[in-house]
Amino acid sequence: MATPGYADQRAALLRRLARIEGQVRGIGRMVEDDRYCIDVLTQIGAVATALESLGFEILDAHVHHCVADALAAADADAAGEKAAELLAAVRRFAKTT
């Protein structure tokens, strides 16, 4: 299997994911403690923003590594496959924003 484009950022990405996981657990505690709705929604928005930011960083790595490598290889099939993956990822992100 090919090395993912984010491989050189793996440790930093895992730290960010751990922080996001902690935020989600914090939201669970807020709900258990019957915190005010708007406070809970604010934290949910912060988690959504953090995940979106992380997703864009991984998407950026995909473009600059996986897609760029496929285009540089001059393999039309590989380039087409990576372009299709990229467009599908952009469509997924466009639906969430």
PDB file of N, CA and C in Angstrom:
ATOM      1  N   MET A   1       0.852  -1.185   0.000  1.00  0.00           N
ATOM      2  CA  MET A   1       0.000   0.000   0.000  1.00  0.00           C
ATOM      3  C   MET A   1       0.890   1.238   0.000  1.00  0.00           C
ATOM      4  N   ALA A   2       0.493   2.248  -0.718  1.00  0.00           N
ATOM      5  CA  ALA A   2       1.263   3.485  -0.824  1.00  0.00           C
ATOM      6  C   ALA A   2       1.221   4.264   0.491  1.00  0.00           C
ATOM      7  N   THR A   3       2.263   5.034   0.724  1.00  0.00           N
ATOM      8  CA  THR A   3       2.328   5.885   1.910  1.00  0.00           C
ATOM      9  C   THR A   3       1.334   7.022   1.754  1.00  0.00           C
ATOM     10  N   PRO A   4       0.508   7.277   2.776  1.00  0.00           N
ATOM     11  CA  PRO A   4      -0.449   8.380   2.660  1.00  0.00           C
ATOM     12  C   PRO A   4       0.264   9.723   2.652  1.00  0.00           C
ATOM     13  N   GLY A   5      -0.364  10.708   2.041  1.00  0.00           N
ATOM     14  CA  GLY A   5       0.221  12.032   1.920  1.00  0.00           C
ATOM     15  C   GLY A   5       0.453  12.714   3.258  1.00  0.00           C
ATOM     16  N   TYR A   6      -0.281  12.325   4.278  1.00  0.00           N
ATOM     17  CA  TYR A   6      -0.143  12.944   5.590  1.00  0.00           C
ATOM     18  C   TYR A   6       0.877  12.243   6.478  1.00  0.00           C
ATOM     19  N   ALA A   7       1.596  11.257   5.956  1.00  0.00           N
ATOM     20  CA  ALA A   7       2.488  10.419   6.768  1.00  0.00           C
ATOM     21  C   ALA A   7       3.493  11.239   7.568  1.00  0.00           C
ATOM     22  N   ASP A   8       4.055  12.282   6.973  1.00  0.00           N
ATOM     23  CA  ASP A   8       5.050  13.066   7.696  1.00  0.00           C
ATOM     24  C   ASP A   8       4.422  13.959   8.768  1.00  0.00           C
ATOM     25  N   GLN A   9       3.101  14.057   8.785  1.00  0.00           N
ATOM     26  CA  GLN A   9       2.383  14.863   9.781  1.00  0.00           C
ATOM     27  C   GLN A   9       1.608  13.984  10.768  1.00  0.00           C
ATOM     28  N   ARG A  10       1.831  12.683  10.712  1.00  0.00           N
ATOM     29  CA  ARG A  10       1.040  11.724  11.487  1.00  0.00           C
ATOM     30  C   ARG A  10       0.976  12.072  12.982  1.00  0.00           C
ATOM     31  N   ALA A  11       2.113  12.332  13.604  1.00  0.00           N
ATOM     32  CA  ALA A  11       2.134  12.600  15.047  1.00  0.00           C
ATOM     33  C   ALA A  11       1.305  13.837  15.398  1.00  0.00           C
ATOM     34  N   ALA A  12       1.458  14.901  14.621  1.00  0.00           N
ATOM     35  CA  ALA A  12       0.699  16.129  14.882  1.00  0.00           C
ATOM     36  C   ALA A  12      -0.791  15.894  14.663  1.00  0.00           C
ATOM     37  N   LEU A  13      -1.151  15.146  13.635  1.00  0.00           N
ATOM     38  CA  LEU A  13      -2.563  14.855  13.373  1.00  0.00           C
ATOM     39  C   LEU A  13      -3.165  14.027  14.506  1.00  0.00           C
ATOM     40  N   LEU A  14      -2.410  13.065  15.004  1.00  0.00           N
ATOM     41  CA  LEU A  14      -2.907  12.244  16.104  1.00  0.00           C
ATOM     42  C   LEU A  14      -3.092  13.069  17.376  1.00  0.00           C
ATOM     43  N   ARG A  15      -2.196  14.025  17.622  1.00  0.00           N
ATOM     44  CA  ARG A  15      -2.367  14.915  18.779  1.00  0.00           C
ATOM     45  C   ARG A  15      -3.637  15.750  18.638  1.00  0.00           C
ATOM     46  N   ARG A  16      -3.860  16.267  17.436  1.00  0.00           N
ATOM     47  CA  ARG A  16      -5.077  17.061  17.203  1.00  0.00           C
ATOM     48  C   ARG A  16      -6.328  16.211  17.376  1.00  0.00           C
ATOM     49  N   LEU A  17      -6.287  14.983  16.868  1.00  0.00           N
ATOM     50  CA  LEU A  17      -7.435  14.085  17.035  1.00  0.00           C
ATOM     51  C   LEU A  17      -7.688  13.776  18.505  1.00  0.00           C
ATOM     52  N   ALA A  18      -6.632  13.615  19.280  1.00  0.00           N
ATOM     53  CA  ALA A  18      -6.799  13.361  20.711  1.00  0.00           C
ATOM     54  C   ALA A  18      -7.450  14.560  21.398  1.00  0.00           C
ATOM     55  N   ARG A  19      -7.062  15.781  20.994  1.00  0.00           N
ATOM     56  CA  ARG A  19      -7.700  16.975  21.567  1.00  0.00           C
ATOM     57  C   ARG A  19      -9.174  17.032  21.196  1.00  0.00           C
ATOM     58  N   ILE A  20      -9.484  16.718  19.950  1.00  0.00           N
ATOM     59  CA  ILE A  20     -10.886  16.719  19.506  1.00  0.00           C
ATOM     60  C   ILE A  20     -11.674  15.654  20.269  1.00  0.00           C
ATOM     61  N   GLU A  21     -11.072  14.500  20.448  1.00  0.00           N
ATOM     62  CA  GLU A  21     -11.724  13.437  21.216  1.00  0.00           C
ATOM     63  C   GLU A  21     -12.023  13.922  22.635  1.00  0.00           C
ATOM     64  N   GLY A  22     -11.092  14.642  23.227  1.00  0.00           N
ATOM     65  CA  GLY A  22     -11.311  15.203  24.557  1.00  0.00           C
ATOM     66  C   GLY A  22     -12.446  16.209  24.557  1.00  0.00           C
ATOM     67  N   GLN A  23     -12.523  17.011  23.498  1.00  0.00           N
ATOM     68  CA  GLN A  23     -13.628  17.973  23.390  1.00  0.00           C
ATOM     69  C   GLN A  23     -14.974  17.245  23.333  1.00  0.00           C
ATOM     70  N   VAL A  24     -15.034  16.161  22.587  1.00  0.00           N
ATOM     71  CA  VAL A  24     -16.278  15.403  22.463  1.00  0.00           C
ATOM     72  C   VAL A  24     -16.656  14.800  23.817  1.00  0.00           C
ATOM     73  N   ARG A  25     -15.679  14.262  24.535  1.00  0.00           N
ATOM     74  CA  ARG A  25     -15.973  13.735  25.873  1.00  0.00           C
ATOM     75  C   ARG A  25     -16.483  14.861  26.779  1.00  0.00           C
ATOM     76  N   GLY A  26     -15.894  16.052  26.618  1.00  0.00           N
ATOM     77  CA  GLY A  26     -16.342  17.205  27.400  1.00  0.00           C
ATOM     78  C   GLY A  26     -17.788  17.559  27.097  1.00  0.00           C
ATOM     79  N   ILE A  27     -18.188  17.455  25.863  1.00  0.00           N
ATOM     80  CA  ILE A  27     -19.586  17.717  25.498  1.00  0.00           C
ATOM     81  C   ILE A  27     -20.492  16.689  26.182  1.00  0.00           C
ATOM     82  N   GLY A  28     -20.053  15.442  26.202  1.00  0.00           N
ATOM     83  CA  GLY A  28     -20.836  14.413  26.896  1.00  0.00           C
ATOM     84  C   GLY A  28     -21.021  14.752  28.367  1.00  0.00           C
ATOM     85  N   ARG A  29     -19.952  15.235  29.004  1.00  0.00           N
ATOM     86  CA  ARG A  29     -20.054  15.635  30.411  1.00  0.00           C
ATOM     87  C   ARG A  29     -20.995  16.831  30.575  1.00  0.00           C
ATOM     88  N   MET A  30     -20.950  17.748  29.608  1.00  0.00           N
ATOM     89  CA  MET A  30     -21.857  18.900  29.659  1.00  0.00           C
ATOM     90  C   MET A  30     -23.311  18.448  29.625  1.00  0.00           C
ATOM     91  N   VAL A  31     -23.613  17.486  28.756  1.00  0.00           N
ATOM     92  CA  VAL A  31     -24.978  16.971  28.657  1.00  0.00           C
ATOM     93  C   VAL A  31     -25.356  16.250  29.947  1.00  0.00           C
ATOM     94  N   GLU A  32     -24.432  15.436  30.475  1.00  0.00           N
ATOM     95  CA  GLU A  32     -24.704  14.755  31.746  1.00  0.00           C
ATOM     96  C   GLU A  32     -24.987  15.748  32.863  1.00  0.00           C
ATOM     97  N   ASP A  33     -24.300  16.889  32.837  1.00  0.00           N
ATOM     98  CA  ASP A  33     -24.451  17.912  33.879  1.00  0.00           C
ATOM     99  C   ASP A  33     -25.588  18.888  33.590  1.00  0.00           C
ATOM    100  N   ASP A  34     -26.369  18.608  32.544  1.00  0.00           N
ATOM    101  CA  ASP A  34     -27.500  19.473  32.166  1.00  0.00           C
ATOM    102  C   ASP A  34     -27.088  20.926  31.944  1.00  0.00           C
ATOM    103  N   ARG A  35     -25.989  21.106  31.211  1.00  0.00           N
ATOM    104  CA  ARG A  35     -25.521  22.465  30.918  1.00  0.00           C
ATOM    105  C   ARG A  35     -26.458  23.133  29.923  1.00  0.00           C
ATOM    106  N   TYR A  36     -26.371  24.430  29.878  1.00  0.00           N
ATOM    107  CA  TYR A  36     -27.228  25.251  29.023  1.00  0.00           C
ATOM    108  C   TYR A  36     -27.050  24.865  27.552  1.00  0.00           C
ATOM    109  N   CYS A  37     -28.155  24.777  26.826  1.00  0.00           N
ATOM    110  CA  CYS A  37     -28.176  24.329  25.427  1.00  0.00           C
ATOM    111  C   CYS A  37     -27.160  25.077  24.557  1.00  0.00           C
ATOM    112  N   ILE A  38     -27.137  26.391  24.675  1.00  0.00           N
ATOM    113  CA  ILE A  38     -26.264  27.186  23.819  1.00  0.00           C
ATOM    114  C   ILE A  38     -24.795  26.878  24.105  1.00  0.00           C
ATOM    115  N   ASP A  39     -24.456  26.619  25.364  1.00  0.00           N
ATOM    116  CA  ASP A  39     -23.079  26.255  25.696  1.00  0.00           C
ATOM    117  C   ASP A  39     -22.688  24.934  25.040  1.00  0.00           C
ATOM    118  N   VAL A  40     -23.613  23.979  25.060  1.00  0.00           N
ATOM    119  CA  VAL A  40     -23.358  22.682  24.422  1.00  0.00           C
ATOM    120  C   VAL A  40     -23.213  22.872  22.913  1.00  0.00           C
ATOM    121  N   LEU A  41     -24.115  23.642  22.314  1.00  0.00           N
ATOM    122  CA  LEU A  41     -24.054  23.886  20.873  1.00  0.00           C
ATOM    123  C   LEU A  41     -22.768  24.601  20.478  1.00  0.00           C
ATOM    124  N   THR A  42     -22.301  25.508  21.308  1.00  0.00           N
ATOM    125  CA  THR A  42     -21.047  26.205  21.030  1.00  0.00           C
ATOM    126  C   THR A  42     -19.890  25.211  20.959  1.00  0.00           C
ATOM    127  N   GLN A  43     -19.871  24.272  21.892  1.00  0.00           N
ATOM    128  CA  GLN A  43     -18.807  23.272  21.903  1.00  0.00           C
ATOM    129  C   GLN A  43     -18.927  22.303  20.720  1.00  0.00           C
ATOM    130  N   ILE A  44     -20.143  21.969  20.344  1.00  0.00           N
ATOM    131  CA  ILE A  44     -20.345  21.115  19.165  1.00  0.00           C
ATOM    132  C   ILE A  44     -19.824  21.833  17.918  1.00  0.00           C
ATOM    133  N   GLY A  45     -20.102  23.125  17.817  1.00  0.00           N
ATOM    134  CA  GLY A  45     -19.588  23.906  16.689  1.00  0.00           C
ATOM    135  C   GLY A  45     -18.067  23.932  16.664  1.00  0.00           C
ATOM    136  N   ALA A  46     -17.460  24.036  17.837  1.00  0.00           N
ATOM    137  CA  ALA A  46     -15.989  24.043  17.918  1.00  0.00           C
ATOM    138  C   ALA A  46     -15.416  22.711  17.452  1.00  0.00           C
ATOM    139  N   VAL A  47     -16.051  21.609  17.828  1.00  0.00           N
ATOM    140  CA  VAL A  47     -15.594  20.282  17.396  1.00  0.00           C
ATOM    141  C   VAL A  47     -15.749  20.133  15.882  1.00  0.00           C
ATOM    142  N   ALA A  48     -16.893  20.574  15.362  1.00  0.00           N
ATOM    143  CA  ALA A  48     -17.119  20.482  13.923  1.00  0.00           C
ATOM    144  C   ALA A  48     -16.073  21.288  13.158  1.00  0.00           C
ATOM    145  N   THR A  49     -15.761  22.474  13.647  1.00  0.00           N
ATOM    146  CA  THR A  49     -14.745  23.305  13.001  1.00  0.00           C
ATOM    147  C   THR A  49     -13.380  22.642  13.070  1.00  0.00           C
ATOM    148  N   ALA A  50     -13.042  22.062  14.213  1.00  0.00           N
ATOM    149  CA  ALA A  50     -11.747  21.391  14.375  1.00  0.00           C
ATOM    150  C   ALA A  50     -11.634  20.198  13.427  1.00  0.00           C
ATOM    151  N   LEU A  51     -12.694  19.420  13.317  1.00  0.00           N
ATOM    152  CA  LEU A  51     -12.667  18.271  12.396  1.00  0.00           C
ATOM    153  C   LEU A  51     -12.571  18.715  10.941  1.00  0.00           C
ATOM    154  N   GLU A  52     -13.300  19.768  10.602  1.00  0.00           N
ATOM    155  CA  GLU A  52     -13.241  20.284   9.234  1.00  0.00           C
ATOM    156  C   GLU A  52     -11.830  20.770   8.904  1.00  0.00           C
ATOM    157  N   SER A  53     -11.221  21.467   9.826  1.00  0.00           N
ATOM    158  CA  SER A  53      -9.859  21.962   9.630  1.00  0.00           C
ATOM    159  C   SER A  53      -8.888  20.802   9.447  1.00  0.00           C
ATOM    160  N   LEU A  54      -9.029  19.784  10.255  1.00  0.00           N
ATOM    161  CA  LEU A  54      -8.181  18.602  10.136  1.00  0.00           C
ATOM    162  C   LEU A  54      -8.410  17.914   8.796  1.00  0.00           C
ATOM    163  N   GLY A  55      -9.659  17.818   8.392  1.00  0.00           N
ATOM    164  CA  GLY A  55      -9.973  17.210   7.099  1.00  0.00           C
ATOM    165  C   GLY A  55      -9.350  17.964   5.943  1.00  0.00           C
ATOM    166  N   PHE A  56      -9.393  19.289   5.990  1.00  0.00           N
ATOM    167  CA  PHE A  56      -8.774  20.083   4.923  1.00  0.00           C
ATOM    168  C   PHE A  56      -7.260  19.899   4.908  1.00  0.00           C
ATOM    169  N   GLU A  57      -6.661  19.743   6.072  1.00  0.00           N
ATOM    170  CA  GLU A  57      -5.215  19.513   6.117  1.00  0.00           C
ATOM    171  C   GLU A  57      -4.860  18.180   5.461  1.00  0.00           C
ATOM    172  N   ILE A  58      -5.650  17.165   5.734  1.00  0.00           N
ATOM    173  CA  ILE A  58      -5.409  15.858   5.103  1.00  0.00           C
ATOM    174  C   ILE A  58      -5.703  15.935   3.608  1.00  0.00           C
ATOM    175  N   LEU A  59      -6.737  16.654   3.228  1.00  0.00           N
ATOM    176  CA  LEU A  59      -7.035  16.840   1.808  1.00  0.00           C
ATOM    177  C   LEU A  59      -5.888  17.556   1.098  1.00  0.00           C
ATOM    178  N   ASP A  60      -5.337  18.570   1.736  1.00  0.00           N
ATOM    179  CA  ASP A  60      -4.196  19.287   1.183  1.00  0.00           C
ATOM    180  C   ASP A  60      -3.009  18.348   0.978  1.00  0.00           C
ATOM    181  N   ALA A  61      -2.747  17.505   1.974  1.00  0.00           N
ATOM    182  CA  ALA A  61      -1.652  16.542   1.853  1.00  0.00           C
ATOM    183  C   ALA A  61      -1.918  15.561   0.712  1.00  0.00           C
ATOM    184  N   HIS A  62      -3.175  15.169   0.553  1.00  0.00           N
ATOM    185  CA  HIS A  62      -3.546  14.256  -0.537  1.00  0.00           C
ATOM    186  C   HIS A  62      -3.246  14.892  -1.897  1.00  0.00           C
ATOM    187  N   VAL A  63      -3.621  16.147  -2.033  1.00  0.00           N
ATOM    188  CA  VAL A  63      -3.389  16.842  -3.303  1.00  0.00           C
ATOM    189  C   VAL A  63      -1.906  16.964  -3.593  1.00  0.00           C
ATOM    190  N   HIS A  64      -1.148  17.396  -2.589  1.00  0.00           N
ATOM    191  CA  HIS A  64       0.277  17.660  -2.810  1.00  0.00           C
ATOM    192  C   HIS A  64       1.138  16.410  -2.849  1.00  0.00           C
ATOM    193  N   HIS A  65       0.619  15.299  -2.407  1.00  0.00           N
ATOM    194  CA  HIS A  65       1.407  14.057  -2.429  1.00  0.00           C
ATOM    195  C   HIS A  65       0.806  13.054  -3.405  1.00  0.00           C
ATOM    196  N   CYS A  66      -0.348  12.557  -3.074  1.00  0.00           N
ATOM    197  CA  CYS A  66      -0.946  11.468  -3.857  1.00  0.00           C
ATOM    198  C   CYS A  66      -1.320  11.895  -5.271  1.00  0.00           C
ATOM    199  N   VAL A  67      -2.058  12.989  -5.384  1.00  0.00           N
ATOM    200  CA  VAL A  67      -2.498  13.455  -6.702  1.00  0.00           C
ATOM    201  C   VAL A  67      -1.300  13.946  -7.510  1.00  0.00           C
ATOM    202  N   ALA A  68      -0.433  14.730  -6.891  1.00  0.00           N
ATOM    203  CA  ALA A  68       0.746  15.251  -7.606  1.00  0.00           C
ATOM    204  C   ALA A  68       1.628  14.117  -8.097  1.00  0.00           C
ATOM    205  N   ASP A  69       1.827  13.094  -7.273  1.00  0.00           N
ATOM    206  CA  ASP A  69       2.650  11.953  -7.691  1.00  0.00           C
ATOM    207  C   ASP A  69       2.025  11.220  -8.869  1.00  0.00           C
ATOM    208  N   ALA A  70       0.713  11.056  -8.838  1.00  0.00           N
ATOM    209  CA  ALA A  70       0.034  10.361  -9.938  1.00  0.00           C
ATOM    210  C   ALA A  70       0.152  11.157 -11.236  1.00  0.00           C
ATOM    211  N   LEU A  71       0.035  12.467 -11.143  1.00  0.00           N
ATOM    212  CA  LEU A  71       0.175  13.293 -12.348  1.00  0.00           C
ATOM    213  C   LEU A  71       1.607  13.286 -12.867  1.00  0.00           C
ATOM    214  N   ALA A  72       2.567  13.337 -11.953  1.00  0.00           N
ATOM    215  CA  ALA A  72       3.974  13.351 -12.358  1.00  0.00           C
ATOM    216  C   ALA A  72       4.398  12.032 -12.998  1.00  0.00           C
ATOM    217  N   ALA A  73       3.743  10.949 -12.638  1.00  0.00           N
ATOM    218  CA  ALA A  73       4.096   9.638 -13.181  1.00  0.00           C
ATOM    219  C   ALA A  73       3.652   9.473 -14.628  1.00  0.00           C
ATOM    220  N   ALA A  74       2.841  10.391 -15.107  1.00  0.00           N
ATOM    221  CA  ALA A  74       2.340  10.356 -16.482  1.00  0.00           C
ATOM    222  C   ALA A  74       1.574   9.070 -16.773  1.00  0.00           C
ATOM    223  N   ASP A  75       0.950   8.517 -15.750  1.00  0.00           N
ATOM    224  CA  ASP A  75       0.101   7.339 -15.903  1.00  0.00           C
ATOM    225  C   ASP A  75      -1.342   7.846 -15.941  1.00  0.00           C
ATOM    226  N   ALA A  76      -1.924   7.837 -17.101  1.00  0.00           N
ATOM    227  CA  ALA A  76      -3.257   8.413 -17.285  1.00  0.00           C
ATOM    228  C   ALA A  76      -4.298   7.736 -16.401  1.00  0.00           C
ATOM    229  N   ASP A  77      -4.210   6.417 -16.250  1.00  0.00           N
ATOM    230  CA  ASP A  77      -5.189   5.717 -15.407  1.00  0.00           C
ATOM    231  C   ASP A  77      -5.049   6.122 -13.946  1.00  0.00           C
ATOM    232  N   ALA A  78      -3.809   6.165 -13.449  1.00  0.00           N
ATOM    233  CA  ALA A  78      -3.578   6.560 -12.051  1.00  0.00           C
ATOM    234  C   ALA A  78      -3.985   8.009 -11.829  1.00  0.00           C
ATOM    235  N   ALA A  79      -3.664   8.879 -12.763  1.00  0.00           N
ATOM    236  CA  ALA A  79      -4.025  10.289 -12.647  1.00  0.00           C
ATOM    237  C   ALA A  79      -5.542  10.455 -12.638  1.00  0.00           C
ATOM    238  N   GLY A  80      -6.228   9.727 -13.490  1.00  0.00           N
ATOM    239  CA  GLY A  80      -7.686   9.788 -13.529  1.00  0.00           C
ATOM    240  C   GLY A  80      -8.306   9.288 -12.239  1.00  0.00           C
ATOM    241  N   GLU A  81      -7.744   8.215 -11.695  1.00  0.00           N
ATOM    242  CA  GLU A  81      -8.246   7.676 -10.428  1.00  0.00           C
ATOM    243  C   GLU A  81      -8.059   8.684  -9.298  1.00  0.00           C
ATOM    244  N   LYS A  82      -6.883   9.285  -9.213  1.00  0.00           N
ATOM    245  CA  LYS A  82      -6.618  10.262  -8.152  1.00  0.00           C
ATOM    246  C   LYS A  82      -7.460  11.521  -8.332  1.00  0.00           C
ATOM    247  N   ALA A  83      -7.675  11.935  -9.558  1.00  0.00           N
ATOM    248  CA  ALA A  83      -8.528  13.102  -9.818  1.00  0.00           C
ATOM    249  C   ALA A  83      -9.964  12.817  -9.375  1.00  0.00           C
ATOM    250  N   ALA A  84     -10.445  11.616  -9.646  1.00  0.00           N
ATOM    251  CA  ALA A  84     -11.797  11.233  -9.234  1.00  0.00           C
ATOM    252  C   ALA A  84     -11.904  11.196  -7.709  1.00  0.00           C
ATOM    253  N   GLU A  85     -10.877  10.656  -7.048  1.00  0.00           N
ATOM    254  CA  GLU A  85     -10.864  10.652  -5.578  1.00  0.00           C
ATOM    255  C   GLU A  85     -10.907  12.076  -5.028  1.00  0.00           C
ATOM    256  N   LEU A  86     -10.114  12.943  -5.630  1.00  0.00           N
ATOM    257  CA  LEU A  86     -10.054  14.327  -5.182  1.00  0.00           C
ATOM    258  C   LEU A  86     -11.409  15.011  -5.332  1.00  0.00           C
ATOM    259  N   LEU A  87     -12.031  14.844  -6.480  1.00  0.00           N
ATOM    260  CA  LEU A  87     -13.340  15.463  -6.701  1.00  0.00           C
ATOM    261  C   LEU A  87     -14.392  14.929  -5.736  1.00  0.00           C
ATOM    262  N   ALA A  88     -14.343  13.630  -5.452  1.00  0.00           N
ATOM    263  CA  ALA A  88     -15.286  13.047  -4.495  1.00  0.00           C
ATOM    264  C   ALA A  88     -15.065  13.628  -3.098  1.00  0.00           C
ATOM    265  N   ALA A  89     -13.811  13.806  -2.716  1.00  0.00           N
ATOM    266  CA  ALA A  89     -13.508  14.384  -1.400  1.00  0.00           C
ATOM    267  C   ALA A  89     -13.986  15.825  -1.326  1.00  0.00           C
ATOM    268  N   VAL A  90     -13.770  16.584  -2.377  1.00  0.00           N
ATOM    269  CA  VAL A  90     -14.222  17.982  -2.399  1.00  0.00           C
ATOM    270  C   VAL A  90     -15.742  18.034  -2.316  1.00  0.00           C
ATOM    271  N   ARG A  91     -16.415  17.133  -3.004  1.00  0.00           N
ATOM    272  CA  ARG A  91     -17.885  17.098  -2.933  1.00  0.00           C
ATOM    273  C   ARG A  91     -18.356  16.813  -1.508  1.00  0.00           C
ATOM    274  N   ARG A  92     -17.675  15.879  -0.826  1.00  0.00           N
ATOM    275  CA  ARG A  92     -18.057  15.575   0.559  1.00  0.00           C
ATOM    276  C   ARG A  92     -17.892  16.797   1.448  1.00  0.00           C
ATOM    277  N   PHE A  93     -16.780  17.506   1.274  1.00  0.00           N
ATOM    278  CA  PHE A  93     -16.553  18.707   2.087  1.00  0.00           C
ATOM    279  C   PHE A  93     -17.545  19.809   1.723  1.00  0.00           C
ATOM    280  N   ALA A  94     -17.892  19.920   0.469  1.00  0.00           N
ATOM    281  CA  ALA A  94     -18.827  20.968   0.050  1.00  0.00           C
ATOM    282  C   ALA A  94     -20.202  20.748   0.681  1.00  0.00           C
ATOM    283  N   LYS A  95     -20.573  19.511   0.934  1.00  0.00           N
ATOM    284  CA  LYS A  95     -21.853  19.196   1.560  1.00  0.00           C
ATOM    285  C   LYS A  95     -21.870  19.560   3.040  1.00  0.00           C
ATOM    286  N   THR A  96     -20.697  19.599   3.668  1.00  0.00           N
ATOM    287  CA  THR A  96     -20.648  19.847   5.106  1.00  0.00           C
ATOM    288  C   THR A  96     -20.527  21.321   5.446  1.00  0.00           C
ATOM    289  N   THR A  97     -20.200  22.159   4.466  1.00  0.00           N
ATOM    290  CA  THR A  97     -20.016  23.578   4.781  1.00  0.00           C
ATOM    291  C   THR A  97     -21.174  24.393   4.295  1.00  0.00           C
TER     292      THR A  97
END
